[in-house]
Amino acid sequence: MQTLVASTELHSWKGTLAILCTYAKSEEFPVLCDFLASRLEAAGDTRSAVLCYICAGNIDKAVNAWVNASINKEYVRSAPW
């Protein structure tokens, strides 16, 4: 499953999450969701990353990603250009 998460095309992250929900063992599910979330966040897809962090039970990372995205959005909105 780790290989699946590592190699999946991020535009199909929902399908990957569905596979994890269906087939991942309960002890590996949070780790795999967290890994998928990290990849999504690194690619700039914060909304999807937050959902995967929540699925992983990693509320701290979900909140941090959401707050950072909100701060960056405010910065861009207040930029003079």
PDB file of N, CA and C in Angstrom:
ATOM      1  N   MET A   1       0.816  -1.200   0.000  1.00  0.00           N
ATOM      2  CA  MET A   1       0.000   0.000   0.000  1.00  0.00           C
ATOM      3  C   MET A   1       0.859   1.263   0.000  1.00  0.00           C
ATOM      4  N   GLN A   2       1.999   1.192   0.673  1.00  0.00           N
ATOM      5  CA  GLN A   2       2.915   2.339   0.720  1.00  0.00           C
ATOM      6  C   GLN A   2       3.346   2.729  -0.692  1.00  0.00           C
ATOM      7  N   THR A   3       3.617   1.722  -1.517  1.00  0.00           N
ATOM      8  CA  THR A   3       4.026   1.973  -2.899  1.00  0.00           C
ATOM      9  C   THR A   3       2.906   2.645  -3.678  1.00  0.00           C
ATOM     10  N   LEU A   4       1.684   2.221  -3.446  1.00  0.00           N
ATOM     11  CA  LEU A   4       0.538   2.830  -4.110  1.00  0.00           C
ATOM     12  C   LEU A   4       0.460   4.309  -3.783  1.00  0.00           C
ATOM     13  N   VAL A   5       0.557   4.644  -2.508  1.00  0.00           N
ATOM     14  CA  VAL A   5       0.453   6.047  -2.090  1.00  0.00           C
ATOM     15  C   VAL A   5       1.629   6.856  -2.632  1.00  0.00           C
ATOM     16  N   ALA A   6       2.804   6.251  -2.649  1.00  0.00           N
ATOM     17  CA  ALA A   6       3.996   6.950  -3.122  1.00  0.00           C
ATOM     18  C   ALA A   6       3.973   7.205  -4.626  1.00  0.00           C
ATOM     19  N   SER A   7       3.323   6.333  -5.364  1.00  0.00           N
ATOM     20  CA  SER A   7       3.380   6.434  -6.827  1.00  0.00           C
ATOM     21  C   SER A   7       2.096   6.930  -7.473  1.00  0.00           C
ATOM     22  N   THR A   8       1.059   7.106  -6.707  1.00  0.00           N
ATOM     23  CA  THR A   8      -0.210   7.523  -7.297  1.00  0.00           C
ATOM     24  C   THR A   8      -0.122   8.927  -7.888  1.00  0.00           C
ATOM     25  N   GLU A   9      -0.797   9.128  -8.978  1.00  0.00           N
ATOM     26  CA  GLU A   9      -0.922  10.466  -9.559  1.00  0.00           C
ATOM     27  C   GLU A   9      -1.831  11.266  -8.634  1.00  0.00           C
ATOM     28  N   LEU A  10      -1.403  12.452  -8.250  1.00  0.00           N
ATOM     29  CA  LEU A  10      -2.154  13.198  -7.248  1.00  0.00           C
ATOM     30  C   LEU A  10      -3.515  13.678  -7.735  1.00  0.00           C
ATOM     31  N   HIS A  11      -3.710  13.763  -9.046  1.00  0.00           N
ATOM     32  CA  HIS A  11      -5.039  14.147  -9.533  1.00  0.00           C
ATOM     33  C   HIS A  11      -6.076  13.050  -9.255  1.00  0.00           C
ATOM     34  N   SER A  12      -5.594  11.831  -8.944  1.00  0.00           N
ATOM     35  CA  SER A  12      -6.519  10.731  -8.627  1.00  0.00           C
ATOM     36  C   SER A  12      -6.431  10.343  -7.150  1.00  0.00           C
ATOM     37  N   TRP A  13      -6.170  11.323  -6.298  1.00  0.00           N
ATOM     38  CA  TRP A  13      -6.006  11.053  -4.864  1.00  0.00           C
ATOM     39  C   TRP A  13      -7.272  10.483  -4.234  1.00  0.00           C
ATOM     40  N   LYS A  14      -8.433  10.863  -4.738  1.00  0.00           N
ATOM     41  CA  LYS A  14      -9.691  10.361  -4.157  1.00  0.00           C
ATOM     42  C   LYS A  14      -9.807   8.849  -4.332  1.00  0.00           C
ATOM     43  N   GLY A  15      -9.419   8.360  -5.488  1.00  0.00           N
ATOM     44  CA  GLY A  15      -9.428   6.922  -5.725  1.00  0.00           C
ATOM     45  C   GLY A  15      -8.454   6.200  -4.813  1.00  0.00           C
ATOM     46  N   THR A  16      -7.301   6.818  -4.610  1.00  0.00           N
ATOM     47  CA  THR A  16      -6.313   6.230  -3.699  1.00  0.00           C
ATOM     48  C   THR A  16      -6.854   6.187  -2.281  1.00  0.00           C
ATOM     49  N   LEU A  17      -7.486   7.271  -1.849  1.00  0.00           N
ATOM     50  CA  LEU A  17      -8.071   7.291  -0.509  1.00  0.00           C
ATOM     51  C   LEU A  17      -9.173   6.232  -0.384  1.00  0.00           C
ATOM     52  N   ALA A  18      -9.957   6.049  -1.424  1.00  0.00           N
ATOM     53  CA  ALA A  18     -11.007   5.022  -1.400  1.00  0.00           C
ATOM     54  C   ALA A  18     -10.397   3.626  -1.266  1.00  0.00           C
ATOM     55  N   ILE A  19      -9.297   3.388  -1.965  1.00  0.00           N
ATOM     56  CA  ILE A  19      -8.619   2.093  -1.849  1.00  0.00           C
ATOM     57  C   ILE A  19      -8.101   1.900  -0.429  1.00  0.00           C
ATOM     58  N   LEU A  20      -7.529   2.949   0.150  1.00  0.00           N
ATOM     59  CA  LEU A  20      -7.034   2.850   1.523  1.00  0.00           C
ATOM     60  C   LEU A  20      -8.179   2.557   2.490  1.00  0.00           C
ATOM     61  N   CYS A  21      -9.301   3.238   2.307  1.00  0.00           N
ATOM     62  CA  CYS A  21     -10.459   3.009   3.183  1.00  0.00           C
ATOM     63  C   CYS A  21     -10.958   1.574   3.088  1.00  0.00           C
ATOM     64  N   THR A  22     -10.846   0.996   1.921  1.00  0.00           N
ATOM     65  CA  THR A  22     -11.372  -0.344   1.693  1.00  0.00           C
ATOM     66  C   THR A  22     -10.394  -1.451   2.076  1.00  0.00           C
ATOM     67  N   TYR A  23      -9.127  -1.281   1.751  1.00  0.00           N
ATOM     68  CA  TYR A  23      -8.195  -2.399   1.850  1.00  0.00           C
ATOM     69  C   TYR A  23      -7.060  -2.249   2.867  1.00  0.00           C
ATOM     70  N   ALA A  24      -6.795  -1.043   3.349  1.00  0.00           N
ATOM     71  CA  ALA A  24      -5.670  -0.881   4.284  1.00  0.00           C
ATOM     72  C   ALA A  24      -6.017  -1.472   5.643  1.00  0.00           C
ATOM     73  N   LYS A  25      -5.029  -2.061   6.281  1.00  0.00           N
ATOM     74  CA  LYS A  25      -5.208  -2.563   7.641  1.00  0.00           C
ATOM     75  C   LYS A  25      -5.374  -1.368   8.573  1.00  0.00           C
ATOM     76  N   SER A  26      -6.129  -1.573   9.625  1.00  0.00           N
ATOM     77  CA  SER A  26      -6.439  -0.460  10.523  1.00  0.00           C
ATOM     78  C   SER A  26      -5.194   0.198  11.104  1.00  0.00           C
ATOM     79  N   GLU A  27      -4.147  -0.579  11.344  1.00  0.00           N
ATOM     80  CA  GLU A  27      -2.944   0.012  11.927  1.00  0.00           C
ATOM     81  C   GLU A  27      -2.113   0.787  10.904  1.00  0.00           C
ATOM     82  N   GLU A  28      -2.268   0.491   9.617  1.00  0.00           N
ATOM     83  CA  GLU A  28      -1.502   1.214   8.602  1.00  0.00           C
ATOM     84  C   GLU A  28      -2.303   2.351   7.967  1.00  0.00           C
ATOM     85  N   PHE A  29      -3.604   2.352   8.127  1.00  0.00           N
ATOM     86  CA  PHE A  29      -4.458   3.358   7.506  1.00  0.00           C
ATOM     87  C   PHE A  29      -4.047   4.787   7.867  1.00  0.00           C
ATOM     88  N   PRO A  30      -3.876   5.131   9.152  1.00  0.00           N
ATOM     89  CA  PRO A  30      -3.513   6.517   9.467  1.00  0.00           C
ATOM     90  C   PRO A  30      -2.166   6.936   8.884  1.00  0.00           C
ATOM     91  N   VAL A  31      -1.210   6.031   8.880  1.00  0.00           N
ATOM     92  CA  VAL A  31       0.115   6.346   8.343  1.00  0.00           C
ATOM     93  C   VAL A  31       0.033   6.615   6.845  1.00  0.00           C
ATOM     94  N   LEU A  32      -0.734   5.795   6.143  1.00  0.00           N
ATOM     95  CA  LEU A  32      -0.875   5.950   4.701  1.00  0.00           C
ATOM     96  C   LEU A  32      -1.648   7.218   4.346  1.00  0.00           C
ATOM     97  N   CYS A  33      -2.683   7.521   5.100  1.00  0.00           N
ATOM     98  CA  CYS A  33      -3.439   8.758   4.861  1.00  0.00           C
ATOM     99  C   CYS A  33      -2.571   9.981   5.128  1.00  0.00           C
ATOM    100  N   ASP A  34      -1.762   9.915   6.176  1.00  0.00           N
ATOM    101  CA  ASP A  34      -0.865  11.014   6.496  1.00  0.00           C
ATOM    102  C   ASP A  34       0.162  11.218   5.379  1.00  0.00           C
ATOM    103  N   PHE A  35       0.666  10.120   4.847  1.00  0.00           N
ATOM    104  CA  PHE A  35       1.627  10.184   3.743  1.00  0.00           C
ATOM    105  C   PHE A  35       0.982  10.799   2.502  1.00  0.00           C
ATOM    106  N   LEU A  36      -0.223  10.376   2.180  1.00  0.00           N
ATOM    107  CA  LEU A  36      -0.945  10.947   1.046  1.00  0.00           C
ATOM    108  C   LEU A  36      -1.182  12.436   1.267  1.00  0.00           C
ATOM    109  N   ALA A  37      -1.566  12.800   2.471  1.00  0.00           N
ATOM    110  CA  ALA A  37      -1.788  14.214   2.797  1.00  0.00           C
ATOM    111  C   ALA A  37      -0.521  15.032   2.627  1.00  0.00           C
ATOM    112  N   SER A  38       0.589  14.502   3.069  1.00  0.00           N
ATOM    113  CA  SER A  38       1.871  15.210   2.941  1.00  0.00           C
ATOM    114  C   SER A  38       2.217  15.459   1.472  1.00  0.00           C
ATOM    115  N   ARG A  39       1.984  14.460   0.641  1.00  0.00           N
ATOM    116  CA  ARG A  39       2.233  14.633  -0.797  1.00  0.00           C
ATOM    117  C   ARG A  39       1.326  15.696  -1.386  1.00  0.00           C
ATOM    118  N   LEU A  40       0.050  15.665  -1.000  1.00  0.00           N
ATOM    119  CA  LEU A  40      -0.896  16.656  -1.511  1.00  0.00           C
ATOM    120  C   LEU A  40      -0.525  18.066  -1.056  1.00  0.00           C
ATOM    121  N   GLU A  41      -0.156  18.189   0.213  1.00  0.00           N
ATOM    122  CA  GLU A  41       0.217  19.500   0.728  1.00  0.00           C
ATOM    123  C   GLU A  41       1.467  20.030   0.013  1.00  0.00           C
ATOM    124  N   ALA A  42       2.440  19.180  -0.196  1.00  0.00           N
ATOM    125  CA  ALA A  42       3.666  19.580  -0.893  1.00  0.00           C
ATOM    126  C   ALA A  42       3.374  20.030  -2.322  1.00  0.00           C
ATOM    127  N   ALA A  43       2.327  19.451  -2.916  1.00  0.00           N
ATOM    128  CA  ALA A  43       1.942  19.817  -4.284  1.00  0.00           C
ATOM    129  C   ALA A  43       1.033  21.049  -4.316  1.00  0.00           C
ATOM    130  N   GLY A  44       0.686  21.580  -3.146  1.00  0.00           N
ATOM    131  CA  GLY A  44      -0.132  22.784  -3.093  1.00  0.00           C
ATOM    132  C   GLY A  44      -1.624  22.546  -3.016  1.00  0.00           C
ATOM    133  N   ASP A  45      -2.043  21.316  -2.865  1.00  0.00           N
ATOM    134  CA  ASP A  45      -3.477  21.001  -2.776  1.00  0.00           C
ATOM    135  C   ASP A  45      -3.873  20.891  -1.297  1.00  0.00           C
ATOM    136  N   THR A  46      -3.992  22.047  -0.662  1.00  0.00           N
ATOM    137  CA  THR A  46      -4.216  22.091   0.778  1.00  0.00           C
ATOM    138  C   THR A  46      -5.565  21.519   1.171  1.00  0.00           C
ATOM    139  N   ARG A  47      -6.600  21.820   0.433  1.00  0.00           N
ATOM    140  CA  ARG A  47      -7.936  21.310   0.791  1.00  0.00           C
ATOM    141  C   ARG A  47      -7.962  19.790   0.846  1.00  0.00           C
ATOM    142  N   SER A  48      -7.392  19.162  -0.156  1.00  0.00           N
ATOM    143  CA  SER A  48      -7.354  17.706  -0.189  1.00  0.00           C
ATOM    144  C   SER A  48      -6.453  17.164   0.913  1.00  0.00           C
ATOM    145  N   ALA A  49      -5.350  17.854   1.148  1.00  0.00           N
ATOM    146  CA  ALA A  49      -4.429  17.436   2.208  1.00  0.00           C
ATOM    147  C   ALA A  49      -5.114  17.480   3.568  1.00  0.00           C
ATOM    148  N   VAL A  50      -5.873  18.539   3.827  1.00  0.00           N
ATOM    149  CA  VAL A  50      -6.569  18.661   5.111  1.00  0.00           C
ATOM    150  C   VAL A  50      -7.526  17.491   5.316  1.00  0.00           C
ATOM    151  N   LEU A  51      -8.263  17.130   4.288  1.00  0.00           N
ATOM    152  CA  LEU A  51      -9.180  15.994   4.401  1.00  0.00           C
ATOM    153  C   LEU A  51      -8.415  14.708   4.716  1.00  0.00           C
ATOM    154  N   CYS A  52      -7.299  14.489   4.048  1.00  0.00           N
ATOM    155  CA  CYS A  52      -6.516  13.271   4.299  1.00  0.00           C
ATOM    156  C   CYS A  52      -5.891  13.291   5.689  1.00  0.00           C
ATOM    157  N   TYR A  53      -5.453  14.464   6.146  1.00  0.00           N
ATOM    158  CA  TYR A  53      -4.937  14.559   7.519  1.00  0.00           C
ATOM    159  C   TYR A  53      -6.037  14.215   8.526  1.00  0.00           C
ATOM    160  N   ILE A  54      -7.239  14.677   8.271  1.00  0.00           N
ATOM    161  CA  ILE A  54      -8.359  14.351   9.162  1.00  0.00           C
ATOM    162  C   ILE A  54      -8.618  12.846   9.144  1.00  0.00           C
ATOM    163  N   CYS A  55      -8.601  12.238   7.974  1.00  0.00           N
ATOM    164  CA  CYS A  55      -8.773  10.783   7.883  1.00  0.00           C
ATOM    165  C   CYS A  55      -7.679  10.051   8.656  1.00  0.00           C
ATOM    166  N   ALA A  56      -6.480  10.624   8.671  1.00  0.00           N
ATOM    167  CA  ALA A  56      -5.361  10.024   9.384  1.00  0.00           C
ATOM    168  C   ALA A  56      -5.472  10.236  10.892  1.00  0.00           C
ATOM    169  N   GLY A  57      -6.394  11.097  11.294  1.00  0.00           N
ATOM    170  CA  GLY A  57      -6.512  11.419  12.712  1.00  0.00           C
ATOM    171  C   GLY A  57      -5.462  12.412  13.162  1.00  0.00           C
ATOM    172  N   ASN A  58      -4.834  13.065  12.207  1.00  0.00           N
ATOM    173  CA  ASN A  58      -3.772  14.019  12.502  1.00  0.00           C
ATOM    174  C   ASN A  58      -4.350  15.435  12.464  1.00  0.00           C
ATOM    175  N   ILE A  59      -5.070  15.768  13.501  1.00  0.00           N
ATOM    176  CA  ILE A  59      -5.768  17.051  13.555  1.00  0.00           C
ATOM    177  C   ILE A  59      -4.784  18.210  13.609  1.00  0.00           C
ATOM    178  N   ASP A  60      -3.651  18.039  14.294  1.00  0.00           N
ATOM    179  CA  ASP A  60      -2.655  19.116  14.363  1.00  0.00           C
ATOM    180  C   ASP A  60      -2.172  19.516  12.976  1.00  0.00           C
ATOM    181  N   LYS A  61      -1.825  18.535  12.153  1.00  0.00           N
ATOM    182  CA  LYS A  61      -1.369  18.848  10.796  1.00  0.00           C
ATOM    183  C   LYS A  61      -2.497  19.422   9.950  1.00  0.00           C
ATOM    184  N   ALA A  62      -3.714  18.933  10.150  1.00  0.00           N
ATOM    185  CA  ALA A  62      -4.858  19.460   9.399  1.00  0.00           C
ATOM    186  C   ALA A  62      -5.051  20.932   9.709  1.00  0.00           C
ATOM    187  N   VAL A  63      -5.018  21.273  10.982  1.00  0.00           N
ATOM    188  CA  VAL A  63      -5.202  22.668  11.384  1.00  0.00           C
ATOM    189  C   VAL A  63      -4.043  23.524  10.890  1.00  0.00           C
ATOM    190  N   ASN A  64      -2.813  23.031  11.039  1.00  0.00           N
ATOM    191  CA  ASN A  64      -1.649  23.797  10.580  1.00  0.00           C
ATOM    192  C   ASN A  64      -1.705  24.067   9.080  1.00  0.00           C
ATOM    193  N   ALA A  65      -2.065  23.064   8.309  1.00  0.00           N
ATOM    194  CA  ALA A  65      -2.163  23.245   6.857  1.00  0.00           C
ATOM    195  C   ALA A  65      -3.243  24.256   6.511  1.00  0.00           C
ATOM    196  N   TRP A  66      -4.366  24.169   7.190  1.00  0.00           N
ATOM    197  CA  TRP A  66      -5.473  25.088   6.934  1.00  0.00           C
ATOM    198  C   TRP A  66      -5.093  26.512   7.327  1.00  0.00           C
ATOM    199  N   VAL A  67      -4.473  26.670   8.488  1.00  0.00           N
ATOM    200  CA  VAL A  67      -4.057  28.007   8.947  1.00  0.00           C
ATOM    201  C   VAL A  67      -3.017  28.588   8.001  1.00  0.00           C
ATOM    202  N   ASN A  68      -2.016  27.789   7.627  1.00  0.00           N
ATOM    203  CA  ASN A  68      -0.988  28.285   6.707  1.00  0.00           C
ATOM    204  C   ASN A  68      -1.590  28.705   5.372  1.00  0.00           C
ATOM    205  N   ALA A  69      -2.535  27.946   4.878  1.00  0.00           N
ATOM    206  CA  ALA A  69      -3.196  28.309   3.617  1.00  0.00           C
ATOM    207  C   ALA A  69      -3.988  29.599   3.790  1.00  0.00           C
ATOM    208  N   SER A  70      -4.628  29.760   4.933  1.00  0.00           N
ATOM    209  CA  SER A  70      -5.408  30.973   5.187  1.00  0.00           C
ATOM    210  C   SER A  70      -4.496  32.187   5.279  1.00  0.00           C
ATOM    211  N   ILE A  71      -3.358  32.036   5.950  1.00  0.00           N
ATOM    212  CA  ILE A  71      -2.396  33.143   6.072  1.00  0.00           C
ATOM    213  C   ILE A  71      -1.868  33.520   4.698  1.00  0.00           C
ATOM    214  N   ASN A  72      -1.487  32.524   3.907  1.00  0.00           N
ATOM    215  CA  ASN A  72      -0.970  32.797   2.570  1.00  0.00           C
ATOM    216  C   ASN A  72      -2.027  33.442   1.689  1.00  0.00           C
ATOM    217  N   LYS A  73      -3.259  33.026   1.852  1.00  0.00           N
ATOM    218  CA  LYS A  73      -4.351  33.608   1.076  1.00  0.00           C
ATOM    219  C   LYS A  73      -4.539  35.075   1.459  1.00  0.00           C
ATOM    220  N   GLU A  74      -4.468  35.379   2.747  1.00  0.00           N
ATOM    221  CA  GLU A  74      -4.580  36.761   3.210  1.00  0.00           C
ATOM    222  C   GLU A  74      -3.424  37.598   2.685  1.00  0.00           C
ATOM    223  N   TYR A  75      -2.219  36.992   2.678  1.00  0.00           N
ATOM    224  CA  TYR A  75      -1.049  37.703   2.188  1.00  0.00           C
ATOM    225  C   TYR A  75      -1.228  38.052   0.715  1.00  0.00           C
ATOM    226  N   VAL A  76      -1.669  37.084  -0.061  1.00  0.00           N
ATOM    227  CA  VAL A  76      -1.866  37.319  -1.485  1.00  0.00           C
ATOM    228  C   VAL A  76      -2.960  38.359  -1.707  1.00  0.00           C
ATOM    229  N   ARG A  77      -4.036  38.284  -0.931  1.00  0.00           N
ATOM    230  CA  ARG A  77      -5.137  39.228  -1.082  1.00  0.00           C
ATOM    231  C   ARG A  77      -4.704  40.662  -0.751  1.00  0.00           C
ATOM    232  N   SER A  78      -3.791  40.813   0.218  1.00  0.00           N
ATOM    233  CA  SER A  78      -3.380  42.155   0.618  1.00  0.00           C
ATOM    234  C   SER A  78      -2.152  42.645  -0.141  1.00  0.00           C
ATOM    235  N   ALA A  79      -1.612  41.825  -1.042  1.00  0.00           N
ATOM    236  CA  ALA A  79      -0.437  42.236  -1.806  1.00  0.00           C
ATOM    237  C   ALA A  79      -0.796  43.382  -2.750  1.00  0.00           C
ATOM    238  N   PRO A  80       0.119  44.326  -2.911  1.00  0.00           N
ATOM    239  CA  PRO A  80      -0.180  45.516  -3.733  1.00  0.00           C
ATOM    240  C   PRO A  80      -0.250  45.267  -5.237  1.00  0.00           C
ATOM    241  N   TRP A  81       0.201  44.112  -5.721  1.00  0.00           N
ATOM    242  CA  TRP A  81       0.186  43.861  -7.155  1.00  0.00           C
ATOM    243  C   TRP A  81      -1.025  43.179  -7.551  1.00  0.00           C
TER     244      TRP A  81
END
